[in-house]
C-alpha atoms as a PDB file:
ATOM      1  CA  MET A   1      -0.120   0.000   0.120  1.00  0.00           C
ATOM      2  CA  LYS A   2       1.290   3.350  -0.815  1.00  0.00           C
ATOM      3  CA  ILE A   3       0.268   6.250   1.130  1.00  0.00           C
ATOM      4  CA  GLN A   4       0.980  10.051   0.222  1.00  0.00           C
ATOM      5  CA  SER A   5      -0.099  11.566   3.664  1.00  0.00           C
ATOM      6  CA  LEU A   6      -1.612  11.093   7.007  1.00  0.00           C
ATOM      7  CA  SER A   7      -4.694  13.657   7.519  1.00  0.00           C
ATOM      8  CA  ILE A   8      -5.287  14.001  11.237  1.00  0.00           C
ATOM      9  CA  ASP A   9      -8.884  14.831  12.259  1.00  0.00           C
ATOM     10  CA  VAL A  10      -8.406  17.256  14.895  1.00  0.00           C
ATOM     11  CA  PRO A  11     -11.048  16.824  17.369  1.00  0.00           C
ATOM     12  CA  CYS A  12     -13.309  19.754  19.386  1.00  0.00           C
ATOM     13  CA  LYS A  13     -15.468  19.350  22.455  1.00  0.00           C
ATOM     14  CA  SER A  14     -17.858  21.679  20.697  1.00  0.00           C
ATOM     15  CA  GLY A  15     -17.667  19.834  17.460  1.00  0.00           C
ATOM     16  CA  LYS A  16     -18.626  22.858  15.832  1.00  0.00           C
ATOM     17  CA  CYS A  17     -16.094  24.632  13.342  1.00  0.00           C
ATOM     18  CA  VAL A  18     -15.923  28.558  14.335  1.00  0.00           C
ATOM     19  CA  ASN A  19     -15.576  29.224  10.568  1.00  0.00           C
ATOM     20  CA  GLY A  20     -18.492  29.508   8.350  1.00  0.00           C
ATOM     21  CA  CYS A  21     -17.036  28.591   4.734  1.00  0.00           C
ATOM     22  CA  PRO A  22     -20.330  28.422   2.547  1.00  0.00           C
ATOM     23  CA  PHE A  23     -18.575  25.454   0.494  1.00  0.00           C
ATOM     24  CA  CYS A  24     -17.465  23.371   3.379  1.00  0.00           C
ATOM     25  CA  CYS A  25     -17.341  19.927   2.472  1.00  0.00           C
ATOM     26  CA  SER A  26     -17.334  18.710   6.191  1.00  0.00           C
ATOM     27  CA  ARG A  27     -20.961  20.080   6.471  1.00  0.00           C
ATOM     28  CA  MET A  28     -22.138  17.617   3.577  1.00  0.00           C
ATOM     29  CA  HIS A  29     -21.701  14.736   5.747  1.00  0.00           C
ATOM     30  CA  THR A  30     -23.020  14.211   9.483  1.00  0.00           C
ATOM     31  CA  GLN A  31     -21.184  10.942  10.523  1.00  0.00           C
ATOM     32  CA  LYS A  32     -19.409  11.255  14.127  1.00  0.00           C
ATOM     33  CA  TYR A  33     -16.675   9.537  15.533  1.00  0.00           C
ATOM     34  CA  ASN A  34     -16.265   8.962  19.398  1.00  0.00           C
ATOM     35  CA  PRO A  35     -13.558  11.302  20.191  1.00  0.00           C
ATOM     36  CA  LEU A  36     -11.664   9.266  22.929  1.00  0.00           C
ATOM     37  CA  MET A  37      -8.911  11.534  23.450  1.00  0.00           C
ATOM     38  CA  LEU A  38     -11.293  14.232  24.916  1.00  0.00           C
ATOM     39  CA  ASN A  39     -12.780  11.960  27.742  1.00  0.00           C
ATOM     40  CA  ASN A  40     -10.623  11.617  30.575  1.00  0.00           C
ATOM     41  CA  ASP A  41     -12.127   8.255  31.059  1.00  0.00           C
ATOM     42  CA  THR A  42     -10.736   7.023  27.759  1.00  0.00           C
ATOM     43  CA  LEU A  43      -7.846   9.207  27.378  1.00  0.00           C
ATOM     44  CA  ALA A  44      -5.083   6.790  28.032  1.00  0.00           C
ATOM     45  CA  TYR A  45      -6.619   4.083  25.675  1.00  0.00           C
ATOM     46  CA  GLY A  46      -7.013   6.711  23.172  1.00  0.00           C
ATOM     47  CA  GLU A  47      -3.569   7.649  23.293  1.00  0.00           C
ATOM     48  CA  LYS A  48      -2.407   4.038  23.152  1.00  0.00           C
ATOM     49  CA  MET A  49      -4.581   3.593  20.060  1.00  0.00           C
ATOM     50  CA  PHE A  50      -3.420   6.904  18.488  1.00  0.00           C
ATOM     51  CA  LYS A  51       0.209   5.855  18.619  1.00  0.00           C
ATOM     52  CA  ARG A  52      -0.074   2.727  17.196  1.00  0.00           C
ATOM     53  CA  ARG A  53      -2.010   3.956  13.902  1.00  0.00           C
ATOM     54  CA  LEU A  54       0.766   6.469  13.454  1.00  0.00           C
ATOM     55  CA  GLU A  55       3.429   3.792  13.784  1.00  0.00           C
ATOM     56  CA  PHE A  56       1.342   1.599  11.103  1.00  0.00           C
ATOM     57  CA  THR A  57       1.023   4.382   8.901  1.00  0.00           C
ATOM     58  CA  LYS A  58       4.916   5.515   9.308  1.00  0.00           C
ATOM     59  CA  ASP A  59       5.564   1.468   8.666  1.00  0.00           C
ATOM     60  CA  GLU A  60       3.662   1.878   5.431  1.00  0.00           C
ATOM     61  CA  GLY A  61       6.085   4.232   4.343  1.00  0.00           C
ATOM     62  CA  CYS A  62       4.061   7.411   4.935  1.00  0.00           C
ATOM     63  CA  ASN A  63       6.025  10.248   5.719  1.00  0.00           C
ATOM     64  CA  ASN A  64       3.918  13.423   5.570  1.00  0.00           C
ATOM     65  CA  VAL A  65       1.190  14.346   8.387  1.00  0.00           C
ATOM     66  CA  ILE A  66      -1.341  17.056   7.797  1.00  0.00           C
ATOM     67  CA  LEU A  67      -3.395  18.348  10.609  1.00  0.00           C
ATOM     68  CA  THR A  68      -6.807  19.420   9.531  1.00  0.00           C
ATOM     69  CA  GLY A  69     -10.292  18.137  10.506  1.00  0.00           C
ATOM     70  CA  GLU A  70     -14.054  18.977  10.213  1.00  0.00           C
ATOM     71  CA  ILE A  71     -13.698  21.658  12.477  1.00  0.00           C
ATOM     72  CA  GLU A  72     -10.608  24.448  12.396  1.00  0.00           C
ATOM     73  CA  PRO A  73      -7.490  22.445  13.721  1.00  0.00           C
ATOM     74  CA  MET A  74      -6.259  25.870  15.783  1.00  0.00           C
ATOM     75  CA  GLN A  75      -9.760  25.370  17.898  1.00  0.00           C
ATOM     76  CA  ASN A  76      -7.813  22.791  19.957  1.00  0.00           C
ATOM     77  CA  LEU A  77      -4.010  23.609  20.212  1.00  0.00           C
ATOM     78  CA  ASN A  78      -3.895  21.109  23.415  1.00  0.00           C
ATOM     79  CA  PHE A  79      -4.698  18.194  21.000  1.00  0.00           C
ATOM     80  CA  LEU A  80      -2.133  19.617  18.563  1.00  0.00           C
ATOM     81  CA  ARG A  81       0.577  19.740  21.448  1.00  0.00           C
ATOM     82  CA  THR A  82      -0.452  16.084  22.446  1.00  0.00           C
ATOM     83  CA  PHE A  83       0.123  14.975  18.968  1.00  0.00           C
ATOM     84  CA  GLY A  84       3.712  16.482  18.777  1.00  0.00           C
ATOM     85  CA  HIS A  85       4.369  14.782  22.569  1.00  0.00           C
ATOM     86  CA  ILE A  86       3.327  11.499  20.937  1.00  0.00           C
ATOM     87  CA  ASN A  87       4.981  11.861  17.677  1.00  0.00           C
ATOM     88  CA  TRP A  88       8.126  12.368  19.205  1.00  0.00           C
ATOM     89  CA  THR A  89       7.992   9.263  21.249  1.00  0.00           C
ATOM     90  CA  LEU A  90       7.978   7.248  18.165  1.00  0.00           C
ATOM     91  CA  LYS A  91      10.822   5.168  16.991  1.00  0.00           C
ATOM     92  CA  ASN A  92      10.847   6.733  13.826  1.00  0.00           C
ATOM     93  CA  PRO A  93       8.629   9.968  14.067  1.00  0.00           C
ATOM     94  CA  PHE A  94       7.314  12.085  11.678  1.00  0.00           C
ATOM     95  CA  HIS A  95       9.181  15.157  10.487  1.00  0.00           C
ATOM     96  CA  TRP A  96       7.198  16.422   7.603  1.00  0.00           C
ATOM     97  CA  ILE A  97       4.221  17.917   9.412  1.00  0.00           C
ATOM     98  CA  GLU A  98       1.844  20.594   7.922  1.00  0.00           C
ATOM     99  CA  ILE A  99      -1.451  22.227   9.122  1.00  0.00           C
ATOM    100  CA  GLN A 100      -4.227  23.100   7.066  1.00  0.00           C
ATOM    101  CA  THR A 101      -5.799  26.359   8.695  1.00  0.00           C
ATOM    102  CA  THR A 102      -7.714  29.509   7.686  1.00  0.00           C
ATOM    103  CA  GLY A 103      -5.683  31.521   9.854  1.00  0.00           C
ATOM    104  CA  PHE A 104      -7.985  31.507  13.105  1.00  0.00           C
ATOM    105  CA  ASN A 105      -5.974  31.441  16.347  1.00  0.00           C
ATOM    106  CA  CYS A 106      -3.068  32.246  14.564  1.00  0.00           C
ATOM    107  CA  ASN A 107      -0.536  34.505  16.019  1.00  0.00           C
ATOM    108  CA  GLU A 108       3.005  34.907  17.314  1.00  0.00           C
ATOM    109  CA  SER A 109       2.630  32.782  20.408  1.00  0.00           C
ATOM    110  CA  THR A 110       0.543  30.228  18.947  1.00  0.00           C
ATOM    111  CA  LEU A 111       2.754  29.763  15.650  1.00  0.00           C
ATOM    112  CA  ILE A 112       5.403  29.188  18.192  1.00  0.00           C
ATOM    113  CA  VAL A 113       3.709  26.374  19.965  1.00  0.00           C
ATOM    114  CA  LEU A 114       3.136  25.150  16.272  1.00  0.00           C
ATOM    115  CA  GLN A 115       6.930  25.094  15.244  1.00  0.00           C
ATOM    116  CA  ASP A 116       8.356  24.202  18.786  1.00  0.00           C
ATOM    117  CA  ALA A 117       5.802  21.413  20.588  1.00  0.00           C
ATOM    118  CA  VAL A 118       4.180  20.108  17.703  1.00  0.00           C
ATOM    119  CA  GLY A 119       6.990  20.228  14.669  1.00  0.00           C
ATOM    120  CA  VAL A 120       4.924  21.752  11.962  1.00  0.00           C
ATOM    121  CA  SER A 121       7.129  23.319   9.148  1.00  0.00           C
ATOM    122  CA  THR A 122       4.366  24.319   6.706  1.00  0.00           C
ATOM    123  CA  ILE A 123       1.162  26.552   7.276  1.00  0.00           C
ATOM    124  CA  SER A 124      -1.439  25.554   4.333  1.00  0.00           C
ATOM    125  CA  LEU A 125      -3.605  28.890   4.597  1.00  0.00           C
ATOM    126  CA  SER A 126      -7.094  28.202   2.950  1.00  0.00           C
ATOM    127  CA  ILE A 127      -8.403  31.490   1.370  1.00  0.00           C
ATOM    128  CA  VAL A 128     -10.936  32.334  -1.441  1.00  0.00           C
ATOM    129  CA  ASP A 129      -9.559  35.926  -2.326  1.00  0.00           C
ATOM    130  CA  PRO A 130      -5.400  36.795  -2.355  1.00  0.00           C
ATOM    131  CA  PHE A 131      -5.993  40.260  -2.930  1.00  0.00           C
ATOM    132  CA  ASP A 132      -8.810  41.614  -0.505  1.00  0.00           C
ATOM    133  CA  SER A 133      -8.393  40.313   3.301  1.00  0.00           C
ATOM    134  CA  GLU A 134     -11.882  41.797   4.279  1.00  0.00           C
ATOM    135  CA  LEU A 135     -13.382  40.188   1.630  1.00  0.00           C
ATOM    136  CA  ASN A 136     -11.835  36.953   2.183  1.00  0.00           C
ATOM    137  CA  HIS A 137     -12.669  37.180   5.883  1.00  0.00           C
ATOM    138  CA  MET A 138     -16.342  37.671   5.202  1.00  0.00           C
ATOM    139  CA  THR A 139     -16.517  35.037   2.756  1.00  0.00           C
ATOM    140  CA  MET A 140     -15.132  32.541   4.591  1.00  0.00           C
ATOM    141  CA  GLY A 141     -17.371  33.406   7.818  1.00  0.00           C
ATOM    142  CA  LEU A 142     -13.757  33.947  10.202  1.00  0.00           C
ATOM    143  CA  PRO A 143     -14.192  35.301  13.556  1.00  0.00           C
ATOM    144  CA  ASP A 144     -13.580  39.028  13.680  1.00  0.00           C
ATOM    145  CA  ASN A 145     -10.192  38.393  15.800  1.00  0.00           C
ATOM    146  CA  THR A 146      -8.630  36.518  13.030  1.00  0.00           C
ATOM    147  CA  MET A 147      -5.519  38.101  11.692  1.00  0.00           C
ATOM    148  CA  ASN A 148      -5.671  40.385   8.407  1.00  0.00           C
ATOM    149  CA  LEU A 149      -4.328  38.044   5.805  1.00  0.00           C
ATOM    150  CA  PHE A 150      -1.182  39.952   4.801  1.00  0.00           C
ATOM    151  CA  GLY A 151       0.055  40.510   8.230  1.00  0.00           C
ATOM    152  CA  LEU A 152      -0.459  36.805   8.993  1.00  0.00           C
ATOM    153  CA  CYS A 153       1.209  35.713   6.004  1.00  0.00           C
ATOM    154  CA  SER A 154       4.083  37.990   6.746  1.00  0.00           C
ATOM    155  CA  LEU A 155       4.254  36.854  10.261  1.00  0.00           C
ATOM    156  CA  ILE A 156       4.350  33.195   8.923  1.00  0.00           C
ATOM    157  CA  LYS A 157       7.351  33.959   6.760  1.00  0.00           C
ATOM    158  CA  THR A 158       9.216  35.691   9.541  1.00  0.00           C
ATOM    159  CA  LEU A 159       9.031  32.771  11.945  1.00  0.00           C
ATOM    160  CA  GLY A 160      10.636  31.072   9.286  1.00  0.00           C
ATOM    161  CA  PHE A 161       7.245  28.365   8.158  1.00  0.00           C
ATOM    162  CA  ASN A 162       6.867  27.401   4.378  1.00  0.00           C
ATOM    163  CA  LEU A 163       3.782  29.294   3.499  1.00  0.00           C
ATOM    164  CA  ARG A 164       1.181  27.369   1.404  1.00  0.00           C
ATOM    165  CA  ILE A 165      -1.633  29.241  -0.178  1.00  0.00           C
ATOM    166  CA  SER A 166      -4.877  26.748  -0.853  1.00  0.00           C
ATOM    167  CA  LEU A 167      -6.900  28.962  -2.977  1.00  0.00           C
ATOM    168  CA  ASN A 168     -10.194  27.696  -3.125  1.00  0.00           C
ATOM    169  CA  LEU A 169     -11.757  28.669  -6.629  1.00  0.00           C
ATOM    170  CA  THR A 170     -14.839  30.987  -6.619  1.00  0.00           C
ATOM    171  CA  GLN A 171     -15.866  33.548  -8.814  1.00  0.00           C
ATOM    172  CA  LEU A 172     -13.918  35.973  -6.635  1.00  0.00           C
ATOM    173  CA  ILE A 173     -11.026  35.802  -8.525  1.00  0.00           C
ATOM    174  CA  ASP A 174     -12.392  35.662 -12.209  1.00  0.00           C
ATOM    175  CA  LYS A 175     -11.682  39.157 -12.683  1.00  0.00           C
ATOM    176  CA  TYR A 176      -8.041  38.634 -12.418  1.00  0.00           C
ATOM    177  CA  THR A 177      -5.943  36.946 -14.939  1.00  0.00           C
ATOM    178  CA  PRO A 178      -4.006  34.072 -13.896  1.00  0.00           C
ATOM    179  CA  ALA A 179      -0.633  36.101 -14.254  1.00  0.00           C
ATOM    180  CA  GLN A 180      -2.028  38.562 -11.696  1.00  0.00           C
ATOM    181  CA  ILE A 181      -3.121  35.964  -9.101  1.00  0.00           C
ATOM    182  CA  PHE A 182       0.252  34.543  -9.203  1.00  0.00           C
ATOM    183  CA  THR A 183       1.875  37.845  -8.834  1.00  0.00           C
ATOM    184  CA  GLN A 184      -0.257  38.566  -5.756  1.00  0.00           C
ATOM    185  CA  LEU A 185       0.507  35.105  -4.214  1.00  0.00           C
ATOM    186  CA  LYS A 186       4.248  35.437  -4.518  1.00  0.00           C
ATOM    187  CA  ASP A 187       5.030  39.243  -4.374  1.00  0.00           C
ATOM    188  CA  GLU A 188       2.210  40.309  -1.740  1.00  0.00           C
ATOM    189  CA  LEU A 189       1.580  37.228   0.154  1.00  0.00           C
ATOM    190  CA  GLY A 190       4.998  35.678   0.071  1.00  0.00           C
ATOM    191  CA  ALA A 191       3.851  32.304  -0.728  1.00  0.00           C
ATOM    192  CA  ASP A 192       6.094  29.369  -1.529  1.00  0.00           C
ATOM    193  CA  GLN A 193       3.799  27.321  -2.586  1.00  0.00           C
ATOM    194  CA  VAL A 194       0.239  27.077  -4.009  1.00  0.00           C
ATOM    195  CA  THR A 195      -2.858  24.704  -4.580  1.00  0.00           C
ATOM    196  CA  PHE A 196      -5.592  25.622  -6.706  1.00  0.00           C
ATOM    197  CA  ARG A 197      -8.472  23.758  -5.155  1.00  0.00           C
ATOM    198  CA  LYS A 198     -11.633  22.930  -7.157  1.00  0.00           C
ATOM    199  CA  LEU A 199     -14.429  23.214  -4.962  1.00  0.00           C
ATOM    200  CA  TYR A 200     -16.112  19.387  -4.190  1.00  0.00           C
ATOM    201  CA  LYS A 201     -19.542  18.976  -4.672  1.00  0.00           C
ATOM    202  CA  GLY A 202     -21.430  16.413  -2.832  1.00  0.00           C
ATOM    203  CA  ARG A 203     -23.844  13.872  -4.141  1.00  0.00           C
ATOM    204  CA  ALA A 204     -26.841  14.821  -1.882  1.00  0.00           C
ATOM    205  CA  SER A 205     -28.745  18.189  -2.105  1.00  0.00           C
ATOM    206  CA  CYS A 206     -27.407  20.589   0.326  1.00  0.00           C
ATOM    207  CA  PRO A 207     -26.790  24.458   0.738  1.00  0.00           C
ATOM    208  CA  GLU A 208     -23.030  23.767   0.053  1.00  0.00           C
ATOM    209  CA  ASN A 209     -23.785  22.367  -3.160  1.00  0.00           C
ATOM    210  CA  ASP A 210     -26.147  25.511  -3.930  1.00  0.00           C
ATOM    211  CA  TRP A 211     -23.582  28.000  -3.297  1.00  0.00           C
ATOM    212  CA  ILE A 212     -21.059  26.298  -5.446  1.00  0.00           C
ATOM    213  CA  ASP A 213     -23.318  26.190  -8.098  1.00  0.00           C
ATOM    214  CA  GLU A 214     -24.153  29.949  -7.991  1.00  0.00           C
ATOM    215  CA  TYR A 215     -20.448  31.379  -7.031  1.00  0.00           C
ATOM    216  CA  GLY A 216     -17.700  28.543  -7.776  1.00  0.00           C
ATOM    217  CA  MET A 217     -15.540  28.984 -10.889  1.00  0.00           C
ATOM    218  CA  SER A 218     -16.794  28.615 -14.154  1.00  0.00           C
ATOM    219  CA  LYS A 219     -15.130  25.608 -16.096  1.00  0.00           C
ATOM    220  CA  GLY A 220     -13.432  28.484 -18.569  1.00  0.00           C
ATOM    221  CA  ASP A 221     -11.785  30.005 -16.030  1.00  0.00           C
ATOM    222  CA  TYR A 222     -10.481  26.947 -14.285  1.00  0.00           C
ATOM    223  CA  ASP A 223      -9.273  25.902 -17.676  1.00  0.00           C
ATOM    224  CA  ASP A 224      -7.418  29.272 -17.871  1.00  0.00           C
ATOM    225  CA  ILE A 225      -5.485  28.728 -15.016  1.00  0.00           C
ATOM    226  CA  VAL A 226      -4.611  24.982 -15.882  1.00  0.00           C
ATOM    227  CA  THR A 227      -3.297  26.116 -19.505  1.00  0.00           C
ATOM    228  CA  TYR A 228      -1.399  29.047 -17.791  1.00  0.00           C
ATOM    229  CA  ILE A 229       0.704  26.546 -15.680  1.00  0.00           C
ATOM    230  CA  LYS A 230       1.245  24.163 -18.358  1.00  0.00           C
ATOM    231  CA  SER A 231       2.157  27.270 -20.774  1.00  0.00           C
ATOM    232  CA  ASN A 232       4.561  28.869 -18.215  1.00  0.00           C
ATOM    233  CA  GLY A 233       5.597  26.338 -15.560  1.00  0.00           C
ATOM    234  CA  ARG A 234       8.172  23.528 -15.597  1.00  0.00           C
ATOM    235  CA  ARG A 235       6.617  20.055 -14.935  1.00  0.00           C
ATOM    236  CA  LEU A 236       8.380  18.594 -11.869  1.00  0.00           C
ATOM    237  CA  GLU A 237       6.828  14.841 -10.898  1.00  0.00           C
ATOM    238  CA  ARG A 238       3.343  13.589 -10.700  1.00  0.00           C
ATOM    239  CA  LEU A 239       1.674  12.938  -7.360  1.00  0.00           C
ATOM    240  CA  PRO A 240       0.543   9.544  -6.207  1.00  0.00           C
ATOM    241  CA  PHE A 241      -3.222  10.827  -6.659  1.00  0.00           C
ATOM    242  CA  GLY A 242      -2.719  11.805 -10.083  1.00  0.00           C
ATOM    243  CA  ALA A 243      -2.157  15.727 -10.190  1.00  0.00           C
ATOM    244  CA  THR A 244       1.305  16.896 -11.719  1.00  0.00           C
ATOM    245  CA  LYS A 245       3.450  19.429  -9.587  1.00  0.00           C
ATOM    246  CA  TYR A 246       4.901  22.248 -11.312  1.00  0.00           C
ATOM    247  CA  ALA A 247       7.288  25.108 -10.716  1.00  0.00           C
ATOM    248  CA  CYS A 248       5.627  28.019 -11.983  1.00  0.00           C
ATOM    249  CA  LYS A 249       6.408  31.647 -11.443  1.00  0.00           C
ATOM    250  CA  GLY A 250       8.650  31.323  -8.077  1.00  0.00           C
ATOM    251  CA  LEU A 251       5.858  28.931  -6.689  1.00  0.00           C
ATOM    252  CA  THR A 252       5.282  25.170  -6.409  1.00  0.00           C
ATOM    253  CA  THR A 253       2.030  24.691  -7.899  1.00  0.00           C
ATOM    254  CA  VAL A 254      -0.449  21.825  -7.698  1.00  0.00           C
ATOM    255  CA  VAL A 255      -4.153  21.951  -8.867  1.00  0.00           C
ATOM    256  CA  ASP A 256      -6.137  19.686  -7.020  1.00  0.00           C
ATOM    257  CA  ASP A 257      -9.430  18.756  -8.545  1.00  0.00           C
ATOM    258  CA  ASP A 258     -10.070  15.620  -6.334  1.00  0.00           C
ATOM    259  CA  CYS A 259      -9.772  16.930  -2.884  1.00  0.00           C
ATOM    260  CA  MET A 260     -11.998  14.398  -1.321  1.00  0.00           C
ATOM    261  CA  SER A 261      -9.771  11.498  -3.057  1.00  0.00           C
ATOM    262  CA  GLU A 262     -13.214  10.394  -5.412  1.00  0.00           C
ATOM    263  CA  ALA A 263     -11.109   8.455  -7.955  1.00  0.00           C
ATOM    264  CA  ASP A 264     -10.740   4.720  -6.873  1.00  0.00           C
ATOM    265  CA  ASP A 265      -8.773   3.382  -9.888  1.00  0.00           C
ATOM    266  CA  LYS A 266      -5.378   3.868  -8.231  1.00  0.00           C
ATOM    267  CA  GLU A 267      -3.113   1.668  -6.296  1.00  0.00           C
ATOM    268  CA  GLU A 268      -2.041   4.597  -4.268  1.00  0.00           C
ATOM    269  CA  LEU A 269      -3.866   6.399  -1.495  1.00  0.00           C
ATOM    270  CA  LYS A 270      -3.699  10.225  -1.632  1.00  0.00           C
ATOM    271  CA  TYR A 271      -4.231   9.904   2.197  1.00  0.00           C
ATOM    272  CA  LEU A 272      -5.237   8.245   5.416  1.00  0.00           C
ATOM    273  CA  ILE A 273      -7.435   9.775   8.102  1.00  0.00           C
ATOM    274  CA  LEU A 274      -7.071   9.313  11.596  1.00  0.00           C
ATOM    275  CA  ARG A 275     -10.127  10.034  12.953  1.00  0.00           C
ATOM    276  CA  PRO A 276     -11.177  11.332  16.603  1.00  0.00           C
ATOM    277  CA  ASP A 277     -12.009   7.359  17.410  1.00  0.00           C
ATOM    278  CA  CYS A 278      -8.370   6.638  16.723  1.00  0.00           C
ATOM    279  CA  LYS A 279      -9.024   4.539  13.735  1.00  0.00           C
ATOM    280  CA  LEU A 280      -7.866   4.831  10.168  1.00  0.00           C
ATOM    281  CA  TYR A 281     -10.193   5.513   7.350  1.00  0.00           C
ATOM    282  CA  THR A 282      -9.684   6.370   3.764  1.00  0.00           C
ATOM    283  CA  LYS A 283     -12.570   8.486   2.570  1.00  0.00           C
ATOM    284  CA  TRP A 284     -13.762  11.698   4.401  1.00  0.00           C
ATOM    285  CA  ASP A 285     -17.406  10.817   3.608  1.00  0.00           C
ATOM    286  CA  LEU A 286     -17.757   7.321   4.119  1.00  0.00           C
ATOM    287  CA  LYS A 287     -17.620   5.672   7.543  1.00  0.00           C
ATOM    288  CA  GLU A 288     -17.615   2.200   6.086  1.00  0.00           C
ATOM    289  CA  SER A 289     -14.279   3.011   4.553  1.00  0.00           C
ATOM    290  CA  LEU A 290     -12.768   1.820   7.720  1.00  0.00           C
ATOM    291  CA  LEU A 291      -9.169   0.411   7.381  1.00  0.00           C
ATOM    292  CA  PHE A 292      -7.661  -0.307  10.551  1.00  0.00           C
END
């Protein structure tokens, strides 16, 4: 089994995300997983099972951990610290550790915790508009105390993190050319990497699908970005889940049109998911995808 990355689903007692992203794929399904590591009665057992799954995934040759979840992972800094502690107790710990965040609860003190106690080296910042911080905050439904996008990107770079912009593709950036988008990401946000993320539409009727139908990027504009990357970038390598990585205008660039790992004809797994019940799954939207 080839596994590109391990996604860790960060739990939260409230079970409710502080963000209000209108295209959120996590709100498209309602399956719950018993959070063993949030309950004092099951904490010791949960930590034991959590460590066992980390060891299994590492033994299968996976080297990359992505701290993410169906909530904003920065809602539970204590859990992130616990992950860091357990990881360093492994005989062969993970060193390539990333976090996917909208920027909530990111400031100098919390970012230093991520760096020193958790071992994070890459901040993957999920946004919809790299030109307008206020519009980005409003569209993503971010709490008022979330740091300004430009100030946050500057701080992330100052502290020595790699900065990846995960740009969710909506009509907000239709008015900009691909060249303008790359210039903004590189020169104004200081990004090292960019993932252009095509919005995921679920199968069932839901408000998120309706929003995507109305505000998602058109196929024509999406194709323009892909064409620009292929015309102006240098092809690097094909990732196990099928996408190709490019060096384009100073940025490591990937177009992700399969964020939920829907394609089933590949021998490699894009990711495994370590859920709050401390078990491994292969799909975000299927509890029946239990692996171990």
